[in-house]
Structure formats: C-alpha cells, structure tokens
PDB file of all heavy atoms in Angstrom:
ATOM      1  N   ALA A   1      70.254 148.990  77.148  1.00  0.00           N
ATOM      2  CA  ALA A   1      71.253 147.935  77.003  1.00  0.00           C
ATOM      3  C   ALA A   1      71.508 147.634  75.530  1.00  0.00           C
ATOM      4  O   ALA A   1      70.569 147.555  74.737  1.00  0.00           O
ATOM      5  CB  ALA A   1      70.781 146.678  77.735  1.00  0.00           C
ATOM      6  N   GLY A   2      72.766 147.473  75.187  1.00  0.00           N
ATOM      7  CA  GLY A   2      73.138 147.268  73.805  1.00  0.00           C
ATOM      8  C   GLY A   2      73.487 148.537  73.061  1.00  0.00           C
ATOM      9  O   GLY A   2      74.051 148.459  71.949  1.00  0.00           O
ATOM     10  N   GLY A   3      73.198 149.656  73.635  1.00  0.00           N
ATOM     11  CA  GLY A   3      73.472 150.928  73.005  1.00  0.00           C
ATOM     12  C   GLY A   3      74.878 151.412  73.235  1.00  0.00           C
ATOM     13  O   GLY A   3      75.713 150.713  73.810  1.00  0.00           O
ATOM     14  N   SER A   4      75.115 152.631  72.803  1.00  0.00           N
ATOM     15  CA  SER A   4      76.476 153.199  72.871  1.00  0.00           C
ATOM     16  C   SER A   4      76.451 154.608  73.471  1.00  0.00           C
ATOM     17  O   SER A   4      75.451 155.331  73.384  1.00  0.00           O
ATOM     18  CB  SER A   4      77.103 153.271  71.485  1.00  0.00           C
ATOM     19  OG  SER A   4      77.217 152.003  70.913  1.00  0.00           O
ATOM     20  N   LEU A   5      77.578 154.969  74.056  1.00  0.00           N
ATOM     21  CA  LEU A   5      77.791 156.324  74.539  1.00  0.00           C
ATOM     22  C   LEU A   5      79.248 156.687  74.272  1.00  0.00           C
ATOM     23  O   LEU A   5      80.111 155.800  74.233  1.00  0.00           O
ATOM     24  CB  LEU A   5      77.528 156.465  76.020  1.00  0.00           C
ATOM     25  CG  LEU A   5      76.091 156.733  76.480  1.00  0.00           C
ATOM     26  CD1 LEU A   5      76.044 156.772  78.002  1.00  0.00           C
ATOM     27  CD2 LEU A   5      75.546 158.023  75.912  1.00  0.00           C
ATOM     28  N   ARG A   6      79.503 157.966  74.093  1.00  0.00           N
ATOM     29  CA  ARG A   6      80.839 158.473  73.866  1.00  0.00           C
ATOM     30  C   ARG A   6      81.147 159.523  74.924  1.00  0.00           C
ATOM     31  O   ARG A   6      80.559 160.610  74.923  1.00  0.00           O
ATOM     32  CB  ARG A   6      80.931 159.069  72.457  1.00  0.00           C
ATOM     33  CG  ARG A   6      82.335 159.423  72.009  1.00  0.00           C
ATOM     34  CD  ARG A   6      82.321 159.975  70.597  1.00  0.00           C
ATOM     35  NE  ARG A   6      83.654 160.160  70.041  1.00  0.00           N
ATOM     36  CZ  ARG A   6      84.297 159.242  69.350  1.00  0.00           C
ATOM     37  NH1 ARG A   6      83.762 158.060  69.126  1.00  0.00           N
ATOM     38  NH2 ARG A   6      85.512 159.517  68.862  1.00  0.00           N
ATOM     39  N   LEU A   7      82.048 159.182  75.796  1.00  0.00           N
ATOM     40  CA  LEU A   7      82.465 160.085  76.846  1.00  0.00           C
ATOM     41  C   LEU A   7      83.718 160.865  76.426  1.00  0.00           C
ATOM     42  O   LEU A   7      84.591 160.313  75.762  1.00  0.00           O
ATOM     43  CB  LEU A   7      82.761 159.334  78.143  1.00  0.00           C
ATOM     44  CG  LEU A   7      81.638 158.454  78.704  1.00  0.00           C
ATOM     45  CD1 LEU A   7      82.081 157.843  80.035  1.00  0.00           C
ATOM     46  CD2 LEU A   7      80.351 159.216  78.861  1.00  0.00           C
ATOM     47  N   SER A   8      83.761 162.106  76.814  1.00  0.00           N
ATOM     48  CA  SER A   8      84.924 162.940  76.542  1.00  0.00           C
ATOM     49  C   SER A   8      85.483 163.479  77.857  1.00  0.00           C
ATOM     50  O   SER A   8      84.750 163.749  78.785  1.00  0.00           O
ATOM     51  CB  SER A   8      84.572 164.091  75.598  1.00  0.00           C
ATOM     52  OG  SER A   8      84.177 163.623  74.339  1.00  0.00           O
ATOM     53  N   CYS A   9      86.788 163.667  77.847  1.00  0.00           N
ATOM     54  CA  CYS A   9      87.482 164.288  78.986  1.00  0.00           C
ATOM     55  C   CYS A   9      88.297 165.419  78.451  1.00  0.00           C
ATOM     56  O   CYS A   9      89.288 165.209  77.722  1.00  0.00           O
ATOM     57  CB  CYS A   9      88.353 163.248  79.695  1.00  0.00           C
ATOM     58  SG  CYS A   9      89.322 163.934  81.059  1.00  0.00           S
ATOM     59  N   ALA A  10      87.902 166.641  78.782  1.00  0.00           N
ATOM     60  CA  ALA A  10      88.645 167.818  78.379  1.00  0.00           C
ATOM     61  C   ALA A  10      89.786 168.055  79.361  1.00  0.00           C
ATOM     62  O   ALA A  10      89.548 168.087  80.564  1.00  0.00           O
ATOM     63  CB  ALA A  10      87.721 169.024  78.337  1.00  0.00           C
ATOM     64  N   VAL A  11      90.982 168.211  78.842  1.00  0.00           N
ATOM     65  CA  VAL A  11      92.178 168.330  79.635  1.00  0.00           C
ATOM     66  C   VAL A  11      92.787 169.693  79.415  1.00  0.00           C
ATOM     67  O   VAL A  11      93.004 170.092  78.272  1.00  0.00           O
ATOM     68  CB  VAL A  11      93.183 167.246  79.305  1.00  0.00           C
ATOM     69  CG1 VAL A  11      94.388 167.318  80.233  1.00  0.00           C
ATOM     70  CG2 VAL A  11      92.541 165.863  79.374  1.00  0.00           C
ATOM     71  N   SER A  12      93.095 170.378  80.479  1.00  0.00           N
ATOM     72  CA  SER A  12      93.820 171.637  80.395  1.00  0.00           C
ATOM     73  C   SER A  12      95.101 171.536  81.206  1.00  0.00           C
ATOM     74  O   SER A  12      95.165 170.818  82.232  1.00  0.00           O
ATOM     75  CB  SER A  12      92.954 172.796  80.880  1.00  0.00           C
ATOM     76  OG  SER A  12      92.567 172.638  82.238  1.00  0.00           O
ATOM     77  N   GLY A  13      96.127 172.239  80.747  1.00  0.00           N
ATOM     78  CA  GLY A  13      97.415 172.182  81.398  1.00  0.00           C
ATOM     79  C   GLY A  13      98.497 171.923  80.374  1.00  0.00           C
ATOM     80  O   GLY A  13      98.283 171.172  79.414  1.00  0.00           O
ATOM     81  N   ARG A  14      99.644 172.494  80.586  1.00  0.00           N
ATOM     82  CA  ARG A  14     100.703 172.449  79.583  1.00  0.00           C
ATOM     83  C   ARG A  14     101.393 171.097  79.481  1.00  0.00           C
ATOM     84  O   ARG A  14     102.137 170.865  78.528  1.00  0.00           O
ATOM     85  CB  ARG A  14     101.743 173.528  79.909  1.00  0.00           C
ATOM     86  CG  ARG A  14     102.472 173.348  81.224  1.00  0.00           C
ATOM     87  CD  ARG A  14     103.451 174.496  81.464  1.00  0.00           C
ATOM     88  NE  ARG A  14     104.180 174.337  82.692  1.00  0.00           N
ATOM     89  CZ  ARG A  14     105.325 173.673  82.805  1.00  0.00           C
ATOM     90  NH1 ARG A  14     105.845 173.104  81.728  1.00  0.00           N
ATOM     91  NH2 ARG A  14     105.943 173.596  83.963  1.00  0.00           N
ATOM     92  N   THR A  15     101.155 170.189  80.444  1.00  0.00           N
ATOM     93  CA  THR A  15     101.805 168.888  80.458  1.00  0.00           C
ATOM     94  C   THR A  15     100.867 167.761  80.037  1.00  0.00           C
ATOM     95  O   THR A  15     101.122 166.600  80.377  1.00  0.00           O
ATOM     96  CB  THR A  15     102.389 168.577  81.847  1.00  0.00           C
ATOM     97  OG1 THR A  15     101.330 168.545  82.813  1.00  0.00           O
ATOM     98  CG2 THR A  15     103.407 169.616  82.247  1.00  0.00           C
ATOM     99  N   PHE A  16      99.839 168.083  79.282  1.00  0.00           N
ATOM    100  CA  PHE A  16      98.860 167.088  78.883  1.00  0.00           C
ATOM    101  C   PHE A  16      99.505 165.874  78.220  1.00  0.00           C
ATOM    102  O   PHE A  16      99.157 164.725  78.540  1.00  0.00           O
ATOM    103  CB  PHE A  16      97.827 167.723  77.929  1.00  0.00           C
ATOM    104  CG  PHE A  16      96.960 166.726  77.228  1.00  0.00           C
ATOM    105  CD1 PHE A  16      95.998 166.016  77.926  1.00  0.00           C
ATOM    106  CD2 PHE A  16      97.100 166.480  75.872  1.00  0.00           C
ATOM    107  CE1 PHE A  16      95.174 165.091  77.298  1.00  0.00           C
ATOM    108  CE2 PHE A  16      96.293 165.570  75.231  1.00  0.00           C
ATOM    109  CZ  PHE A  16      95.327 164.866  75.935  1.00  0.00           C
ATOM    110  N   THR A  17     100.424 166.092  77.280  1.00  0.00           N
ATOM    111  CA  THR A  17     100.997 164.978  76.537  1.00  0.00           C
ATOM    112  C   THR A  17     101.979 164.149  77.356  1.00  0.00           C
ATOM    113  O   THR A  17     102.431 163.103  76.903  1.00  0.00           O
ATOM    114  CB  THR A  17     101.701 165.498  75.266  1.00  0.00           C
ATOM    115  OG1 THR A  17     102.701 166.459  75.620  1.00  0.00           O
ATOM    116  CG2 THR A  17     100.701 166.119  74.319  1.00  0.00           C
ATOM    117  N   SER A  18     102.311 164.587  78.539  1.00  0.00           N
ATOM    118  CA  SER A  18     103.234 163.839  79.375  1.00  0.00           C
ATOM    119  C   SER A  18     102.525 162.837  80.270  1.00  0.00           C
ATOM    120  O   SER A  18     103.176 161.995  80.888  1.00  0.00           O
ATOM    121  CB  SER A  18     104.039 164.805  80.247  1.00  0.00           C
ATOM    122  OG  SER A  18     104.846 165.676  79.455  1.00  0.00           O
ATOM    123  N   TYR A  19     101.219 162.910  80.356  1.00  0.00           N
ATOM    124  CA  TYR A  19     100.444 162.070  81.274  1.00  0.00           C
ATOM    125  C   TYR A  19      99.789 160.897  80.566  1.00  0.00           C
ATOM    126  O   TYR A  19      99.353 161.011  79.410  1.00  0.00           O
ATOM    127  CB  TYR A  19      99.373 162.891  81.994  1.00  0.00           C
ATOM    128  CG  TYR A  19      99.924 163.750  83.100  1.00  0.00           C
ATOM    129  CD1 TYR A  19     100.397 165.026  82.854  1.00  0.00           C
ATOM    130  CD2 TYR A  19      99.957 163.289  84.409  1.00  0.00           C
ATOM    131  CE1 TYR A  19     100.923 165.807  83.870  1.00  0.00           C
ATOM    132  CE2 TYR A  19     100.464 164.043  85.417  1.00  0.00           C
ATOM    133  CZ  TYR A  19     100.945 165.317  85.142  1.00  0.00           C
ATOM    134  OH  TYR A  19     101.448 166.103  86.159  1.00  0.00           O
ATOM    135  N   ASN A  20      99.707 159.794  81.270  1.00  0.00           N
ATOM    136  CA  ASN A  20      98.902 158.681  80.863  1.00  0.00           C
ATOM    137  C   ASN A  20      97.475 158.908  81.378  1.00  0.00           C
ATOM    138  O   ASN A  20      97.279 159.245  82.533  1.00  0.00           O
ATOM    139  CB  ASN A  20      99.451 157.375  81.435  1.00  0.00           C
ATOM    140  CG  ASN A  20     100.946 157.243  81.135  1.00  0.00           C
ATOM    141  OD1 ASN A  20     101.392 157.429  80.019  1.00  0.00           O
ATOM    142  ND2 ASN A  20     101.727 156.922  82.167  1.00  0.00           N
ATOM    143  N   MET A  21      96.503 158.750  80.503  1.00  0.00           N
ATOM    144  CA  MET A  21      95.112 159.093  80.843  1.00  0.00           C
ATOM    145  C   MET A  21      94.273 157.851  81.008  1.00  0.00           C
ATOM    146  O   MET A  21      94.210 156.989  80.133  1.00  0.00           O
ATOM    147  CB  MET A  21      94.517 159.991  79.758  1.00  0.00           C
ATOM    148  CG  MET A  21      95.310 161.283  79.517  1.00  0.00           C
ATOM    149  SD  MET A  21      95.378 162.309  81.007  1.00  0.00           S
ATOM    150  CE  MET A  21      93.613 162.568  81.310  1.00  0.00           C
ATOM    151  N   GLY A  22      93.589 157.781  82.133  1.00  0.00           N
ATOM    152  CA  GLY A  22      92.764 156.615  82.444  1.00  0.00           C
ATOM    153  C   GLY A  22      91.331 156.967  82.735  1.00  0.00           C
ATOM    154  O   GLY A  22      90.982 158.140  82.941  1.00  0.00           O
ATOM    155  N   TRP A  23      90.504 155.949  82.751  1.00  0.00           N
ATOM    156  CA  TRP A  23      89.100 156.079  83.123  1.00  0.00           C
ATOM    157  C   TRP A  23      88.833 155.093  84.262  1.00  0.00           C
ATOM    158  O   TRP A  23      89.251 153.922  84.208  1.00  0.00           O
ATOM    159  CB  TRP A  23      88.166 155.775  81.972  1.00  0.00           C
ATOM    160  CG  TRP A  23      88.102 156.844  80.934  1.00  0.00           C
ATOM    161  CD1 TRP A  23      88.859 156.959  79.803  1.00  0.00           C
ATOM    162  CD2 TRP A  23      87.183 157.930  80.903  1.00  0.00           C
ATOM    163  NE1 TRP A  23      88.499 158.067  79.096  1.00  0.00           N
ATOM    164  CE2 TRP A  23      87.461 158.686  79.740  1.00  0.00           C
ATOM    165  CE3 TRP A  23      86.154 158.355  81.746  1.00  0.00           C
ATOM    166  CZ2 TRP A  23      86.755 159.842  79.381  1.00  0.00           C
ATOM    167  CZ3 TRP A  23      85.445 159.525  81.395  1.00  0.00           C
ATOM    168  CH2 TRP A  23      85.746 160.245  80.245  1.00  0.00           C
ATOM    169  N   PHE A  24      88.122 155.565  85.250  1.00  0.00           N
ATOM    170  CA  PHE A  24      87.594 154.735  86.350  1.00  0.00           C
ATOM    171  C   PHE A  24      86.091 154.922  86.399  1.00  0.00           C
ATOM    172  O   PHE A  24      85.526 155.881  85.830  1.00  0.00           O
ATOM    173  CB  PHE A  24      88.202 155.150  87.684  1.00  0.00           C
ATOM    174  CG  PHE A  24      89.652 154.760  87.851  1.00  0.00           C
ATOM    175  CD1 PHE A  24      90.650 155.491  87.266  1.00  0.00           C
ATOM    176  CD2 PHE A  24      89.986 153.665  88.631  1.00  0.00           C
ATOM    177  CE1 PHE A  24      91.975 155.140  87.430  1.00  0.00           C
ATOM    178  CE2 PHE A  24      91.296 153.283  88.801  1.00  0.00           C
ATOM    179  CZ  PHE A  24      92.298 154.014  88.195  1.00  0.00           C
ATOM    180  N   ARG A  25      85.430 154.023  87.110  1.00  0.00           N
ATOM    181  CA  ARG A  25      83.996 154.166  87.284  1.00  0.00           C
ATOM    182  C   ARG A  25      83.620 153.692  88.691  1.00  0.00           C
ATOM    183  O   ARG A  25      84.269 152.883  89.291  1.00  0.00           O
ATOM    184  CB  ARG A  25      83.200 153.392  86.239  1.00  0.00           C
ATOM    185  CG  ARG A  25      83.388 151.884  86.279  1.00  0.00           C
ATOM    186  CD  ARG A  25      82.692 151.228  85.100  1.00  0.00           C
ATOM    187  NE  ARG A  25      82.768 149.781  85.130  1.00  0.00           N
ATOM    188  CZ  ARG A  25      82.315 148.967  84.197  1.00  0.00           C
ATOM    189  NH1 ARG A  25      81.736 149.478  83.116  1.00  0.00           N
ATOM    190  NH2 ARG A  25      82.418 147.661  84.320  1.00  0.00           N
ATOM    191  N   GLN A  26      82.512 154.248  89.174  1.00  0.00           N
ATOM    192  CA  GLN A  26      81.997 153.871  90.478  1.00  0.00           C
ATOM    193  C   GLN A  26      80.511 153.619  90.376  1.00  0.00           C
ATOM    194  O   GLN A  26      79.720 154.553  90.160  1.00  0.00           O
ATOM    195  CB  GLN A  26      82.285 154.955  91.504  1.00  0.00           C
ATOM    196  CG  GLN A  26      81.861 154.575  92.921  1.00  0.00           C
ATOM    197  CD  GLN A  26      82.219 155.618  93.966  1.00  0.00           C
ATOM    198  OE1 GLN A  26      82.159 156.818  93.648  1.00  0.00           O
ATOM    199  NE2 GLN A  26      82.563 155.185  95.143  1.00  0.00           N
ATOM    200  N   ALA A  27      80.141 152.366  90.502  1.00  0.00           N
ATOM    201  CA  ALA A  27      78.733 151.964  90.476  1.00  0.00           C
ATOM    202  C   ALA A  27      78.110 152.248  91.836  1.00  0.00           C
ATOM    203  O   ALA A  27      78.820 152.345  92.856  1.00  0.00           O
ATOM    204  CB  ALA A  27      78.610 150.504  90.103  1.00  0.00           C
ATOM    205  N   PRO A  28      76.788 152.343  91.874  1.00  0.00           N
ATOM    206  CA  PRO A  28      76.111 152.600  93.160  1.00  0.00           C
ATOM    207  C   PRO A  28      76.494 151.565  94.216  1.00  0.00           C
ATOM    208  O   PRO A  28      76.376 150.364  94.004  1.00  0.00           O
ATOM    209  CB  PRO A  28      74.627 152.517  92.797  1.00  0.00           C
ATOM    210  CG  PRO A  28      74.570 152.880  91.367  1.00  0.00           C
ATOM    211  CD  PRO A  28      75.824 152.303  90.767  1.00  0.00           C
ATOM    212  N   GLY A  29      76.958 152.047  95.365  1.00  0.00           N
ATOM    213  CA  GLY A  29      77.295 151.182  96.474  1.00  0.00           C
ATOM    214  C   GLY A  29      78.588 150.402  96.310  1.00  0.00           C
ATOM    215  O   GLY A  29      78.876 149.533  97.128  1.00  0.00           O
ATOM    216  N   LYS A  30      79.340 150.699  95.270  1.00  0.00           N
ATOM    217  CA  LYS A  30      80.588 149.941  95.021  1.00  0.00           C
ATOM    218  C   LYS A  30      81.814 150.876  95.015  1.00  0.00           C
ATOM    219  O   LYS A  30      81.694 152.093  94.969  1.00  0.00           O
ATOM    220  CB  LYS A  30      80.492 149.192  93.681  1.00  0.00           C
ATOM    221  CG  LYS A  30      79.408 148.131  93.646  1.00  0.00           C
ATOM    222  CD  LYS A  30      79.450 147.346  92.364  1.00  0.00           C
ATOM    223  CE  LYS A  30      78.410 146.247  92.350  1.00  0.00           C
ATOM    224  NZ  LYS A  30      78.447 145.477  91.083  1.00  0.00           N
ATOM    225  N   GLU A  31      82.974 150.258  95.067  1.00  0.00           N
ATOM    226  CA  GLU A  31      84.218 150.991  95.032  1.00  0.00           C
ATOM    227  C   GLU A  31      84.575 151.396  93.623  1.00  0.00           C
ATOM    228  O   GLU A  31      84.019 150.905  92.650  1.00  0.00           O
ATOM    229  CB  GLU A  31      85.342 150.127  95.632  1.00  0.00           C
ATOM    230  CG  GLU A  31      85.131 149.704  97.053  1.00  0.00           C
ATOM    231  CD  GLU A  31      86.236 148.807  97.568  1.00  0.00           C
ATOM    232  OE1 GLU A  31      87.090 148.387  96.767  1.00  0.00           O
ATOM    233  OE2 GLU A  31      86.234 148.493  98.777  1.00  0.00           O
ATOM    234  N   HIS A  32      85.516 152.357  93.523  1.00  0.00           N
ATOM    235  CA  HIS A  32      86.006 152.757  92.223  1.00  0.00           C
ATOM    236  C   HIS A  32      86.638 151.555  91.499  1.00  0.00           C
ATOM    237  O   HIS A  32      87.378 150.774  92.105  1.00  0.00           O
ATOM    238  CB  HIS A  32      87.018 153.864  92.375  1.00  0.00           C
ATOM    239  CG  HIS A  32      86.434 155.199  92.697  1.00  0.00           C
ATOM    240  ND1 HIS A  32      85.970 155.518  93.938  1.00  0.00           N
ATOM    241  CD2 HIS A  32      86.240 156.311  91.900  1.00  0.00           C
ATOM    242  CE1 HIS A  32      85.510 156.764  93.925  1.00  0.00           C
ATOM    243  NE2 HIS A  32      85.672 157.239  92.713  1.00  0.00           N
ATOM    244  N   GLU A  33      86.337 151.431  90.228  1.00  0.00           N
ATOM    245  CA  GLU A  33      86.820 150.343  89.412  1.00  0.00           C
ATOM    246  C   GLU A  33      87.614 150.874  88.221  1.00  0.00           C
ATOM    247  O   GLU A  33      87.152 151.759  87.512  1.00  0.00           O
ATOM    248  CB  GLU A  33      85.649 149.480  88.922  1.00  0.00           C
ATOM    249  CG  GLU A  33      86.029 148.342  87.959  1.00  0.00           C
ATOM    250  CD  GLU A  33      84.862 147.690  87.306  1.00  0.00           C
ATOM    251  OE1 GLU A  33      83.737 148.254  87.355  1.00  0.00           O
ATOM    252  OE2 GLU A  33      85.016 146.578  86.771  1.00  0.00           O
ATOM    253  N   PHE A  34      88.769 150.318  87.997  1.00  0.00           N
ATOM    254  CA  PHE A  34      89.565 150.684  86.852  1.00  0.00           C
ATOM    255  C   PHE A  34      88.901 150.231  85.569  1.00  0.00           C
ATOM    256  O   PHE A  34      88.375 149.102  85.492  1.00  0.00           O
ATOM    257  CB  PHE A  34      90.972 150.075  86.953  1.00  0.00           C
ATOM    258  CG  PHE A  34      91.787 150.200  85.702  1.00  0.00           C
ATOM    259  CD1 PHE A  34      92.382 151.413  85.349  1.00  0.00           C
ATOM    260  CD2 PHE A  34      91.951 149.118  84.834  1.00  0.00           C
ATOM    261  CE1 PHE A  34      93.137 151.533  84.198  1.00  0.00           C
ATOM    262  CE2 PHE A  34      92.711 149.234  83.695  1.00  0.00           C
ATOM    263  CZ  PHE A  34      93.298 150.443  83.379  1.00  0.00           C
TER     264      PHE A  34
END
C-alpha cells in the first residue's frame, strides 16, 4: 500500500489512433469497474 505500478497495454492493428483507449478492473468477487 502506498506504492506504485506502471501498466502497459500493447496495441496492434492499423486503426490504433482511431480508438479511445480505456482501462477497467475486476476485483475478486466483484463486477468489472471502469
């Protein structure tokens, strides 16, 4: 707790710059969260 992490998402495909990119997360026993 209090620390940091850096997540990366590698994207392939010719339309990469046309998309809006989001992150979601799913905690144990819970629904996906924006």
